[in-house]
Amino acid sequence: MENQVSDSYLTIIKKSEGLYKEKGSKFIAKVLHVESEDQCKEILKDLKKEYYDARHHCYAYRLGPEKEKYRSSDDGEPSGTAGKPILNQIYSFELFKVLIVVIRYFGGTKLGVSGLINAYKTSARDAIGNAAIVERYLKSAFSLHFNYPEMNDVMRILKDEKPDILKQNFSEVCVINIDVKKNNVQRIISRLGKIRNLNINAL
């Protein structure tokens, strides 16, 4: 049997927060589920408005997992002391589709390079630790078009394979939209393809 590449990945399902304090400075970390770079920009803009009096809004995000994109920003902190430690926590927990923003209120005492790295790393890790991490699957959607005589054959395969049913419409022509885990696509489509008068279209 061939080794299959994993079609699952880890992400978070709702916003969570972490906190770290050091020598009067306060680091508030926010971790959020994101689907796009534009969404990251919008969230960052909103947080900068909400925490307008903070000195730094450092962040990192990682999208993907199929076309992985990542970015980090020190937002005025010394190079490599903020964005990279935040991003490394995302990698450490093997997360995708997440944005972490750490908002720093300066307490008057400089923390030094190692102190900053520790502060951003610890606050980001705290936020992830407070988040609900879930496993999600890479999927492909298909639309099945068939007539009533093929109904039993189609439903038997769907019962066996258990793809997610997105939509069903049984009017003159039967239409079922399904969501299939990436590693199961070849097998399911091959089985369905043997049914006469069944049209399969990728969505």
N, C-alpha and C. Protein backbone atom coordinates (compact mmCIF):
# COMPACT_ATOMS: atom_id res chain seq x y z
N MET A 1 0.85 -1.21 0.00
CA MET A 1 0.00 0.00 0.00
C MET A 1 0.88 1.25 0.00
N GLU A 2 0.55 2.22 -0.83
CA GLU A 2 1.35 3.44 -0.93
C GLU A 2 1.19 4.28 0.34
N ASN A 3 2.30 4.95 0.70
CA ASN A 3 2.22 5.89 1.81
C ASN A 3 1.53 7.16 1.33
N GLN A 4 0.49 7.55 2.04
CA GLN A 4 -0.24 8.76 1.64
C GLN A 4 0.26 9.95 2.44
N VAL A 5 0.35 11.08 1.76
CA VAL A 5 0.66 12.33 2.46
C VAL A 5 -0.57 12.70 3.30
N SER A 6 -0.33 13.19 4.50
CA SER A 6 -1.45 13.52 5.38
C SER A 6 -2.35 14.57 4.73
N ASP A 7 -3.66 14.34 4.82
CA ASP A 7 -4.61 15.34 4.30
C ASP A 7 -5.28 16.09 5.45
N SER A 8 -4.66 16.01 6.63
CA SER A 8 -5.22 16.73 7.78
C SER A 8 -4.23 17.79 8.27
N TYR A 9 -4.73 18.76 9.00
CA TYR A 9 -3.87 19.80 9.57
C TYR A 9 -4.51 20.31 10.86
N LEU A 10 -3.73 21.01 11.66
CA LEU A 10 -4.22 21.55 12.93
C LEU A 10 -4.45 23.05 12.79
N THR A 11 -5.52 23.53 13.40
CA THR A 11 -5.80 24.96 13.45
C THR A 11 -6.55 25.25 14.75
N ILE A 12 -6.95 26.49 14.94
CA ILE A 12 -7.78 26.83 16.10
C ILE A 12 -9.16 27.24 15.60
N ILE A 13 -10.15 27.14 16.49
CA ILE A 13 -11.51 27.43 16.03
C ILE A 13 -12.05 28.77 16.50
N LYS A 14 -11.49 29.33 17.56
CA LYS A 14 -11.97 30.66 17.96
C LYS A 14 -10.85 31.44 18.64
N LYS A 15 -11.05 32.73 18.73
CA LYS A 15 -10.03 33.63 19.27
C LYS A 15 -9.68 33.28 20.70
N SER A 16 -8.38 33.37 21.01
CA SER A 16 -7.93 33.12 22.37
C SER A 16 -6.87 34.17 22.72
N GLU A 17 -6.57 34.27 24.00
CA GLU A 17 -5.67 35.33 24.45
C GLU A 17 -4.63 34.79 25.41
N GLY A 18 -3.45 35.43 25.39
CA GLY A 18 -2.39 35.10 26.35
C GLY A 18 -1.82 36.40 26.90
N LEU A 19 -1.11 36.29 28.01
CA LEU A 19 -0.59 37.49 28.67
C LEU A 19 0.77 37.19 29.30
N TYR A 20 1.69 38.17 29.19
CA TYR A 20 3.00 38.05 29.83
C TYR A 20 3.40 39.43 30.32
N LYS A 21 3.92 39.49 31.53
CA LYS A 21 4.36 40.76 32.10
C LYS A 21 5.82 40.65 32.53
N GLU A 22 6.58 41.71 32.24
CA GLU A 22 8.00 41.72 32.60
C GLU A 22 8.46 43.15 32.78
N LYS A 23 8.97 43.48 33.96
CA LYS A 23 9.54 44.80 34.27
C LYS A 23 8.62 45.94 33.84
N GLY A 24 7.36 45.79 34.14
CA GLY A 24 6.39 46.84 33.84
C GLY A 24 5.79 46.77 32.45
N SER A 25 6.44 46.06 31.53
CA SER A 25 5.88 45.90 30.18
C SER A 25 4.82 44.81 30.19
N LYS A 26 3.79 45.03 29.39
CA LYS A 26 2.70 44.05 29.29
C LYS A 26 2.58 43.60 27.85
N PHE A 27 2.53 42.28 27.66
CA PHE A 27 2.42 41.69 26.33
C PHE A 27 1.10 40.93 26.24
N ILE A 28 0.19 41.45 25.43
CA ILE A 28 -1.13 40.82 25.25
C ILE A 28 -1.13 40.10 23.91
N ALA A 29 -1.27 38.79 23.93
CA ALA A 29 -1.23 38.00 22.70
C ALA A 29 -2.63 37.56 22.30
N LYS A 30 -2.94 37.72 21.03
CA LYS A 30 -4.23 37.28 20.47
C LYS A 30 -3.95 36.25 19.39
N VAL A 31 -4.59 35.10 19.47
CA VAL A 31 -4.47 34.11 18.40
C VAL A 31 -5.84 33.91 17.78
N LEU A 32 -5.89 33.95 16.44
CA LEU A 32 -7.17 33.89 15.73
C LEU A 32 -7.06 32.97 14.52
N HIS A 33 -8.20 32.37 14.17
CA HIS A 33 -8.27 31.58 12.94
C HIS A 33 -8.44 32.53 11.76
N VAL A 34 -7.64 32.31 10.71
CA VAL A 34 -7.72 33.16 9.51
C VAL A 34 -7.70 32.29 8.26
N GLU A 35 -8.28 32.83 7.18
CA GLU A 35 -8.33 32.10 5.91
C GLU A 35 -7.53 32.78 4.80
N SER A 36 -7.16 34.06 5.01
CA SER A 36 -6.49 34.79 3.92
C SER A 36 -5.61 35.91 4.48
N GLU A 37 -4.70 36.41 3.61
CA GLU A 37 -3.86 37.54 4.00
C GLU A 37 -4.69 38.79 4.21
N ASP A 38 -5.72 38.97 3.39
CA ASP A 38 -6.59 40.15 3.56
C ASP A 38 -7.27 40.14 4.92
N GLN A 39 -7.69 38.96 5.36
CA GLN A 39 -8.32 38.86 6.68
C GLN A 39 -7.31 39.22 7.78
N CYS A 40 -6.06 38.79 7.62
CA CYS A 40 -5.01 39.14 8.59
C CYS A 40 -4.85 40.65 8.67
N LYS A 41 -4.84 41.31 7.51
CA LYS A 41 -4.67 42.77 7.47
C LYS A 41 -5.83 43.48 8.16
N GLU A 42 -7.05 42.99 7.93
CA GLU A 42 -8.23 43.60 8.56
C GLU A 42 -8.18 43.46 10.08
N ILE A 43 -7.83 42.26 10.55
CA ILE A 43 -7.76 42.02 12.00
C ILE A 43 -6.69 42.91 12.63
N LEU A 44 -5.54 43.00 11.95
CA LEU A 44 -4.45 43.83 12.46
C LEU A 44 -4.87 45.29 12.55
N LYS A 45 -5.56 45.75 11.53
CA LYS A 45 -6.04 47.13 11.52
C LYS A 45 -6.99 47.39 12.69
N ASP A 46 -7.91 46.44 12.92
CA ASP A 46 -8.87 46.57 14.02
C ASP A 46 -8.17 46.57 15.38
N LEU A 47 -7.16 45.70 15.54
CA LEU A 47 -6.46 45.63 16.83
C LEU A 47 -5.63 46.88 17.08
N LYS A 48 -5.09 47.46 16.00
CA LYS A 48 -4.33 48.70 16.17
C LYS A 48 -5.25 49.85 16.59
N LYS A 49 -6.49 49.81 16.11
CA LYS A 49 -7.48 50.82 16.55
C LYS A 49 -7.85 50.59 18.01
N GLU A 50 -8.13 49.32 18.34
CA GLU A 50 -8.56 48.99 19.70
C GLU A 50 -7.46 49.27 20.72
N TYR A 51 -6.22 48.94 20.38
CA TYR A 51 -5.08 49.15 21.29
C TYR A 51 -4.19 50.26 20.72
N TYR A 52 -4.82 51.40 20.45
CA TYR A 52 -4.14 52.51 19.79
C TYR A 52 -3.01 53.09 20.63
N ASP A 53 -3.07 52.90 21.96
CA ASP A 53 -2.07 53.49 22.85
C ASP A 53 -0.90 52.54 23.14
N ALA A 54 -0.89 51.37 22.51
CA ALA A 54 0.22 50.43 22.70
C ALA A 54 1.39 50.84 21.81
N ARG A 55 2.61 50.49 22.24
CA ARG A 55 3.79 50.89 21.48
C ARG A 55 4.04 49.99 20.26
N HIS A 56 3.78 48.70 20.40
CA HIS A 56 4.07 47.76 19.31
C HIS A 56 2.90 46.80 19.10
N HIS A 57 2.68 46.45 17.84
CA HIS A 57 1.70 45.43 17.47
C HIS A 57 2.43 44.42 16.57
N CYS A 58 3.13 43.50 17.19
CA CYS A 58 3.95 42.54 16.45
C CYS A 58 3.09 41.32 16.11
N TYR A 59 3.41 40.68 14.99
CA TYR A 59 2.53 39.57 14.59
C TYR A 59 3.26 38.54 13.73
N ALA A 60 2.60 37.41 13.58
CA ALA A 60 3.01 36.38 12.62
C ALA A 60 1.78 35.61 12.21
N TYR A 61 1.76 35.19 10.95
CA TYR A 61 0.67 34.31 10.51
C TYR A 61 1.22 33.23 9.61
N ARG A 62 0.44 32.15 9.54
CA ARG A 62 0.77 31.03 8.65
C ARG A 62 -0.53 30.53 8.04
N LEU A 63 -0.59 30.58 6.72
CA LEU A 63 -1.78 30.11 6.03
C LEU A 63 -1.49 28.72 5.47
N GLY A 64 -2.20 28.32 4.45
CA GLY A 64 -1.96 26.98 3.89
C GLY A 64 -3.06 26.03 4.31
N PRO A 65 -2.78 24.74 4.41
CA PRO A 65 -1.48 24.10 4.30
C PRO A 65 -1.06 23.73 2.88
N GLU A 66 -1.96 23.78 1.90
CA GLU A 66 -1.58 23.34 0.57
C GLU A 66 -0.62 24.31 -0.10
N LYS A 67 -0.93 25.59 -0.04
CA LYS A 67 -0.01 26.61 -0.54
C LYS A 67 0.38 27.47 0.65
N GLU A 68 1.41 27.02 1.34
CA GLU A 68 1.74 27.66 2.61
C GLU A 68 2.26 29.08 2.39
N LYS A 69 1.69 30.01 3.16
CA LYS A 69 2.16 31.39 3.18
C LYS A 69 2.38 31.76 4.64
N TYR A 70 3.45 32.48 4.89
CA TYR A 70 3.68 32.93 6.26
C TYR A 70 4.33 34.30 6.23
N ARG A 71 4.19 35.01 7.33
CA ARG A 71 4.81 36.33 7.43
C ARG A 71 4.93 36.68 8.89
N SER A 72 5.93 37.49 9.21
CA SER A 72 6.07 37.98 10.59
C SER A 72 6.56 39.42 10.57
N SER A 73 6.27 40.15 11.62
CA SER A 73 6.66 41.56 11.71
C SER A 73 7.09 41.90 13.13
N ASP A 74 8.23 42.62 13.23
CA ASP A 74 8.71 43.09 14.54
C ASP A 74 8.10 44.43 14.93
N ASP A 75 7.47 45.11 14.00
CA ASP A 75 6.78 46.40 14.24
C ASP A 75 7.59 47.34 15.14
N GLY A 76 8.84 47.56 14.77
CA GLY A 76 9.65 48.54 15.51
C GLY A 76 10.52 47.96 16.60
N GLU A 77 10.29 46.72 16.99
CA GLU A 77 11.17 46.08 17.95
C GLU A 77 12.48 45.70 17.23
N PRO A 78 13.58 45.48 17.97
CA PRO A 78 14.83 45.07 17.31
C PRO A 78 14.61 43.83 16.43
N SER A 79 15.26 43.82 15.27
CA SER A 79 15.05 42.75 14.28
C SER A 79 15.21 41.35 14.88
N GLY A 80 14.19 40.53 14.63
CA GLY A 80 14.25 39.12 15.06
C GLY A 80 13.82 38.87 16.50
N THR A 81 13.39 39.92 17.22
CA THR A 81 13.05 39.73 18.63
C THR A 81 11.56 39.51 18.88
N ALA A 82 10.72 39.73 17.86
CA ALA A 82 9.27 39.66 18.10
C ALA A 82 8.56 38.75 17.10
N GLY A 83 8.56 39.15 15.83
CA GLY A 83 7.84 38.38 14.82
C GLY A 83 8.31 36.94 14.70
N LYS A 84 9.62 36.74 14.68
CA LYS A 84 10.16 35.39 14.51
C LYS A 84 9.84 34.49 15.70
N PRO A 85 10.01 34.95 16.95
CA PRO A 85 9.61 34.10 18.09
C PRO A 85 8.12 33.74 18.08
N ILE A 86 7.28 34.67 17.60
CA ILE A 86 5.84 34.39 17.50
C ILE A 86 5.61 33.31 16.44
N LEU A 87 6.24 33.49 15.27
CA LEU A 87 6.09 32.52 14.18
C LEU A 87 6.60 31.14 14.60
N ASN A 88 7.70 31.12 15.34
CA ASN A 88 8.25 29.84 15.78
C ASN A 88 7.29 29.07 16.68
N GLN A 89 6.45 29.79 17.44
CA GLN A 89 5.45 29.11 18.27
C GLN A 89 4.36 28.49 17.39
N ILE A 90 4.00 29.17 16.30
CA ILE A 90 3.03 28.60 15.36
C ILE A 90 3.58 27.30 14.78
N TYR A 91 4.88 27.33 14.41
CA TYR A 91 5.52 26.12 13.88
C TYR A 91 5.63 25.04 14.95
N SER A 92 5.96 25.45 16.16
CA SER A 92 6.14 24.50 17.25
C SER A 92 4.86 23.69 17.52
N PHE A 93 3.71 24.34 17.40
CA PHE A 93 2.42 23.67 17.62
C PHE A 93 1.85 23.09 16.32
N GLU A 94 2.61 23.26 15.21
CA GLU A 94 2.23 22.73 13.89
C GLU A 94 0.86 23.23 13.43
N LEU A 95 0.64 24.53 13.61
CA LEU A 95 -0.66 25.13 13.28
C LEU A 95 -0.64 25.77 11.90
N PHE A 96 -1.81 25.75 11.26
CA PHE A 96 -2.03 26.44 10.00
C PHE A 96 -3.26 27.34 10.14
N LYS A 97 -3.38 28.30 9.23
CA LYS A 97 -4.53 29.21 9.20
C LYS A 97 -4.70 29.93 10.54
N VAL A 98 -3.59 30.42 11.06
CA VAL A 98 -3.64 31.17 12.32
C VAL A 98 -2.86 32.48 12.20
N LEU A 99 -3.32 33.46 12.94
CA LEU A 99 -2.65 34.75 13.09
C LEU A 99 -2.46 34.98 14.58
N ILE A 100 -1.25 35.37 14.97
CA ILE A 100 -1.00 35.77 16.36
C ILE A 100 -0.49 37.21 16.34
N VAL A 101 -1.17 38.05 17.10
CA VAL A 101 -0.74 39.44 17.27
C VAL A 101 -0.41 39.63 18.74
N VAL A 102 0.79 40.15 19.01
CA VAL A 102 1.19 40.45 20.40
C VAL A 102 1.30 41.96 20.54
N ILE A 103 0.49 42.51 21.43
CA ILE A 103 0.42 43.95 21.66
C ILE A 103 1.26 44.27 22.89
N ARG A 104 2.23 45.17 22.73
CA ARG A 104 3.11 45.49 23.85
C ARG A 104 2.88 46.91 24.37
N TYR A 105 2.66 46.96 25.67
CA TYR A 105 2.66 48.24 26.38
C TYR A 105 4.00 48.35 27.10
N PHE A 106 4.78 49.37 26.74
CA PHE A 106 6.14 49.52 27.28
C PHE A 106 6.08 50.00 28.73
N GLY A 107 6.87 49.34 29.58
CA GLY A 107 6.83 49.67 31.00
C GLY A 107 7.93 50.59 31.47
N GLY A 108 8.76 51.08 30.53
CA GLY A 108 9.81 52.04 30.93
C GLY A 108 11.18 51.42 31.08
N THR A 109 11.27 50.12 31.19
CA THR A 109 12.56 49.44 31.33
C THR A 109 12.80 48.54 30.13
N LYS A 110 13.94 48.71 29.47
CA LYS A 110 14.26 47.87 28.31
C LYS A 110 14.54 46.44 28.77
N LEU A 111 14.10 45.49 27.96
CA LEU A 111 14.25 44.08 28.34
C LEU A 111 15.46 43.42 27.70
N GLY A 112 16.07 44.09 26.72
CA GLY A 112 17.19 43.47 26.02
C GLY A 112 16.70 42.45 25.00
N VAL A 113 17.60 42.02 24.14
CA VAL A 113 17.23 41.11 23.06
C VAL A 113 16.66 39.80 23.59
N SER A 114 17.36 39.15 24.49
CA SER A 114 16.89 37.85 25.00
C SER A 114 15.59 38.00 25.79
N GLY A 115 15.45 39.13 26.50
CA GLY A 115 14.23 39.39 27.26
C GLY A 115 13.03 39.57 26.36
N LEU A 116 13.23 40.28 25.23
CA LEU A 116 12.15 40.48 24.27
C LEU A 116 11.75 39.17 23.60
N ILE A 117 12.75 38.40 23.16
CA ILE A 117 12.45 37.11 22.53
C ILE A 117 11.63 36.24 23.46
N ASN A 118 12.03 36.20 24.72
CA ASN A 118 11.30 35.38 25.70
C ASN A 118 9.88 35.89 25.92
N ALA A 119 9.73 37.21 25.98
CA ALA A 119 8.41 37.80 26.23
C ALA A 119 7.44 37.51 25.07
N TYR A 120 7.90 37.69 23.84
CA TYR A 120 7.02 37.44 22.69
C TYR A 120 6.73 35.95 22.52
N LYS A 121 7.75 35.13 22.76
CA LYS A 121 7.56 33.67 22.67
C LYS A 121 6.57 33.19 23.73
N THR A 122 6.76 33.64 24.96
CA THR A 122 5.94 33.16 26.08
C THR A 122 4.50 33.61 25.95
N SER A 123 4.29 34.87 25.56
CA SER A 123 2.91 35.36 25.43
C SER A 123 2.18 34.65 24.29
N ALA A 124 2.89 34.41 23.17
CA ALA A 124 2.29 33.69 22.04
C ALA A 124 1.94 32.25 22.45
N ARG A 125 2.86 31.61 23.17
CA ARG A 125 2.62 30.23 23.60
C ARG A 125 1.44 30.16 24.57
N ASP A 126 1.32 31.17 25.42
CA ASP A 126 0.20 31.21 26.37
C ASP A 126 -1.13 31.32 25.63
N ALA A 127 -1.16 32.15 24.59
CA ALA A 127 -2.40 32.31 23.80
C ALA A 127 -2.77 30.99 23.12
N ILE A 128 -1.79 30.31 22.54
CA ILE A 128 -2.05 29.02 21.88
C ILE A 128 -2.51 27.99 22.92
N GLY A 129 -1.87 28.01 24.08
CA GLY A 129 -2.24 27.07 25.15
C GLY A 129 -3.67 27.25 25.63
N ASN A 130 -4.20 28.47 25.50
CA ASN A 130 -5.58 28.74 25.90
C ASN A 130 -6.59 28.52 24.78
N ALA A 131 -6.09 28.17 23.59
CA ALA A 131 -6.96 28.01 22.43
C ALA A 131 -7.42 26.56 22.29
N ALA A 132 -8.54 26.38 21.59
CA ALA A 132 -9.04 25.04 21.26
C ALA A 132 -8.44 24.65 19.91
N ILE A 133 -7.49 23.71 19.93
CA ILE A 133 -6.85 23.25 18.70
C ILE A 133 -7.63 22.07 18.14
N VAL A 134 -7.93 22.15 16.84
CA VAL A 134 -8.74 21.10 16.21
C VAL A 134 -8.04 20.58 14.95
N GLU A 135 -8.40 19.36 14.57
CA GLU A 135 -7.89 18.78 13.34
C GLU A 135 -8.90 19.02 12.22
N ARG A 136 -8.42 19.52 11.11
CA ARG A 136 -9.26 19.74 9.94
C ARG A 136 -8.67 18.98 8.76
N TYR A 137 -9.49 18.75 7.73
CA TYR A 137 -9.04 17.98 6.58
C TYR A 137 -9.06 18.81 5.31
N LEU A 138 -8.08 18.53 4.45
CA LEU A 138 -8.10 19.11 3.11
C LEU A 138 -9.14 18.35 2.31
N LYS A 139 -10.02 19.09 1.66
CA LYS A 139 -11.14 18.44 0.96
C LYS A 139 -11.33 19.01 -0.44
N SER A 140 -11.97 18.22 -1.28
CA SER A 140 -12.37 18.66 -2.62
C SER A 140 -13.87 18.43 -2.76
N ALA A 141 -14.55 19.39 -3.37
CA ALA A 141 -16.01 19.27 -3.52
C ALA A 141 -16.38 18.85 -4.94
N PHE A 142 -17.41 18.01 -5.04
CA PHE A 142 -17.89 17.52 -6.33
C PHE A 142 -19.41 17.57 -6.38
N SER A 143 -19.92 17.76 -7.57
CA SER A 143 -21.37 17.72 -7.79
C SER A 143 -21.70 16.48 -8.62
N LEU A 144 -22.65 15.68 -8.12
CA LEU A 144 -23.08 14.45 -8.80
C LEU A 144 -24.45 14.69 -9.43
N HIS A 145 -24.57 14.43 -10.72
CA HIS A 145 -25.85 14.59 -11.43
C HIS A 145 -26.26 13.22 -11.98
N PHE A 146 -27.45 12.77 -11.64
CA PHE A 146 -27.90 11.44 -12.10
C PHE A 146 -29.42 11.38 -12.10
N ASN A 147 -29.95 10.30 -12.66
CA ASN A 147 -31.40 10.10 -12.70
C ASN A 147 -31.82 9.10 -11.61
N TYR A 148 -33.13 9.03 -11.38
CA TYR A 148 -33.64 8.18 -10.29
C TYR A 148 -33.20 6.71 -10.37
N PRO A 149 -33.11 6.11 -11.57
CA PRO A 149 -32.70 4.70 -11.61
C PRO A 149 -31.31 4.45 -11.01
N GLU A 150 -30.45 5.50 -10.98
CA GLU A 150 -29.09 5.34 -10.44
C GLU A 150 -29.02 5.63 -8.93
N MET A 151 -30.14 6.04 -8.37
CA MET A 151 -30.17 6.48 -6.97
C MET A 151 -29.58 5.45 -6.01
N ASN A 152 -30.01 4.20 -6.10
CA ASN A 152 -29.54 3.18 -5.15
C ASN A 152 -28.04 2.96 -5.23
N ASP A 153 -27.51 2.93 -6.47
CA ASP A 153 -26.07 2.72 -6.63
C ASP A 153 -25.26 3.88 -6.03
N VAL A 154 -25.74 5.09 -6.29
CA VAL A 154 -25.05 6.28 -5.77
C VAL A 154 -25.08 6.28 -4.24
N MET A 155 -26.26 6.08 -3.68
CA MET A 155 -26.43 6.16 -2.23
C MET A 155 -25.66 5.05 -1.51
N ARG A 156 -25.53 3.88 -2.16
CA ARG A 156 -24.78 2.78 -1.54
C ARG A 156 -23.30 3.17 -1.36
N ILE A 157 -22.73 3.80 -2.40
CA ILE A 157 -21.33 4.23 -2.33
C ILE A 157 -21.16 5.35 -1.31
N LEU A 158 -22.08 6.30 -1.29
CA LEU A 158 -21.99 7.41 -0.33
C LEU A 158 -22.13 6.91 1.10
N LYS A 159 -22.96 5.88 1.29
CA LYS A 159 -23.11 5.30 2.63
C LYS A 159 -21.81 4.61 3.06
N ASP A 160 -21.16 3.94 2.10
CA ASP A 160 -19.89 3.26 2.38
C ASP A 160 -18.78 4.26 2.71
N GLU A 161 -18.67 5.29 1.88
CA GLU A 161 -17.52 6.19 1.93
C GLU A 161 -17.69 7.35 2.91
N LYS A 162 -18.93 7.68 3.19
CA LYS A 162 -19.25 8.74 4.17
C LYS A 162 -18.59 10.11 3.88
N PRO A 163 -18.68 10.61 2.64
CA PRO A 163 -18.23 12.00 2.42
C PRO A 163 -19.24 12.95 3.06
N ASP A 164 -18.84 14.21 3.23
CA ASP A 164 -19.80 15.20 3.72
C ASP A 164 -20.77 15.55 2.60
N ILE A 165 -22.06 15.50 2.92
CA ILE A 165 -23.09 15.89 1.95
C ILE A 165 -23.35 17.39 2.11
N LEU A 166 -23.04 18.16 1.07
CA LEU A 166 -23.21 19.61 1.14
C LEU A 166 -24.62 20.04 0.74
N LYS A 167 -25.17 19.34 -0.27
CA LYS A 167 -26.49 19.74 -0.76
C LYS A 167 -27.11 18.55 -1.50
N GLN A 168 -28.43 18.41 -1.36
CA GLN A 168 -29.16 17.38 -2.10
C GLN A 168 -30.39 18.00 -2.74
N ASN A 169 -30.63 17.65 -3.99
CA ASN A 169 -31.82 18.16 -4.66
C ASN A 169 -32.36 17.05 -5.58
N PHE A 170 -33.49 16.50 -5.21
CA PHE A 170 -34.07 15.39 -5.98
C PHE A 170 -35.31 15.88 -6.73
N SER A 171 -35.06 16.59 -7.83
CA SER A 171 -36.19 17.03 -8.67
C SER A 171 -36.15 16.19 -9.95
N GLU A 172 -36.25 16.81 -11.12
CA GLU A 172 -36.23 16.03 -12.35
C GLU A 172 -34.91 15.29 -12.52
N VAL A 173 -33.81 15.99 -12.25
CA VAL A 173 -32.48 15.36 -12.21
C VAL A 173 -31.99 15.43 -10.78
N CYS A 174 -31.43 14.33 -10.30
CA CYS A 174 -30.94 14.31 -8.92
C CYS A 174 -29.56 14.96 -8.87
N VAL A 175 -29.36 15.81 -7.87
CA VAL A 175 -28.06 16.47 -7.69
C VAL A 175 -27.64 16.32 -6.23
N ILE A 176 -26.44 15.81 -6.03
CA ILE A 176 -25.86 15.74 -4.69
C ILE A 176 -24.47 16.36 -4.75
N ASN A 177 -24.22 17.34 -3.89
CA ASN A 177 -22.88 17.92 -3.77
C ASN A 177 -22.19 17.31 -2.57
N ILE A 178 -20.96 16.83 -2.78
CA ILE A 178 -20.23 16.17 -1.69
C ILE A 178 -18.87 16.81 -1.48
N ASP A 179 -18.37 16.70 -0.27
CA ASP A 179 -17.04 17.18 0.11
C ASP A 179 -16.22 15.95 0.50
N VAL A 180 -15.11 15.73 -0.18
CA VAL A 180 -14.34 14.49 -0.01
C VAL A 180 -12.94 14.79 0.51
N LYS A 181 -12.51 14.05 1.52
CA LYS A 181 -11.14 14.19 2.00
C LYS A 181 -10.17 13.91 0.86
N LYS A 182 -9.12 14.72 0.79
CA LYS A 182 -8.20 14.67 -0.35
C LYS A 182 -7.69 13.24 -0.63
N ASN A 183 -7.33 12.53 0.42
CA ASN A 183 -6.76 11.19 0.23
C ASN A 183 -7.79 10.16 -0.24
N ASN A 184 -9.07 10.52 -0.15
CA ASN A 184 -10.13 9.58 -0.57
C ASN A 184 -10.69 9.88 -1.96
N VAL A 185 -10.27 11.01 -2.55
CA VAL A 185 -10.87 11.46 -3.81
C VAL A 185 -10.76 10.40 -4.90
N GLN A 186 -9.55 9.89 -5.12
CA GLN A 186 -9.32 8.96 -6.23
C GLN A 186 -10.21 7.72 -6.11
N ARG A 187 -10.28 7.18 -4.90
CA ARG A 187 -11.07 5.96 -4.70
C ARG A 187 -12.56 6.21 -4.90
N ILE A 188 -13.09 7.27 -4.29
CA ILE A 188 -14.53 7.55 -4.37
C ILE A 188 -14.95 7.90 -5.80
N ILE A 189 -14.16 8.76 -6.45
CA ILE A 189 -14.52 9.15 -7.82
C ILE A 189 -14.43 7.95 -8.76
N SER A 190 -13.46 7.09 -8.52
CA SER A 190 -13.33 5.87 -9.33
C SER A 190 -14.56 4.98 -9.17
N ARG A 191 -15.03 4.83 -7.94
CA ARG A 191 -16.23 4.00 -7.69
C ARG A 191 -17.47 4.62 -8.33
N LEU A 192 -17.64 5.92 -8.12
CA LEU A 192 -18.81 6.59 -8.68
C LEU A 192 -18.77 6.61 -10.22
N GLY A 193 -17.55 6.69 -10.76
CA GLY A 193 -17.39 6.76 -12.20
C GLY A 193 -17.85 5.51 -12.94
N LYS A 194 -18.03 4.42 -12.21
CA LYS A 194 -18.49 3.17 -12.84
C LYS A 194 -20.01 3.12 -13.01
N ILE A 195 -20.70 4.09 -12.41
CA ILE A 195 -22.16 4.13 -12.53
C ILE A 195 -22.53 4.80 -13.85
N ARG A 196 -23.31 4.12 -14.64
CA ARG A 196 -23.74 4.67 -15.93
C ARG A 196 -24.64 5.88 -15.74
N ASN A 197 -24.55 6.83 -16.64
CA ASN A 197 -25.42 8.02 -16.64
C ASN A 197 -25.22 8.91 -15.41
N LEU A 198 -24.04 8.81 -14.81
CA LEU A 198 -23.72 9.70 -13.68
C LEU A 198 -22.67 10.69 -14.15
N ASN A 199 -22.95 11.97 -13.98
CA ASN A 199 -21.97 13.02 -14.31
C ASN A 199 -21.35 13.57 -13.02
N ILE A 200 -20.04 13.66 -13.00
CA ILE A 200 -19.32 14.17 -11.83
C ILE A 200 -18.58 15.44 -12.22
N ASN A 201 -18.84 16.53 -11.51
CA ASN A 201 -18.15 17.80 -11.78
C ASN A 201 -17.48 18.32 -10.52
N ALA A 202 -16.24 18.77 -10.68
CA ALA A 202 -15.56 19.39 -9.55
C ALA A 202 -16.17 20.76 -9.29
N LEU A 203 -16.33 21.09 -8.03
CA LEU A 203 -16.89 22.41 -7.67
C LEU A 203 -15.77 23.38 -7.35
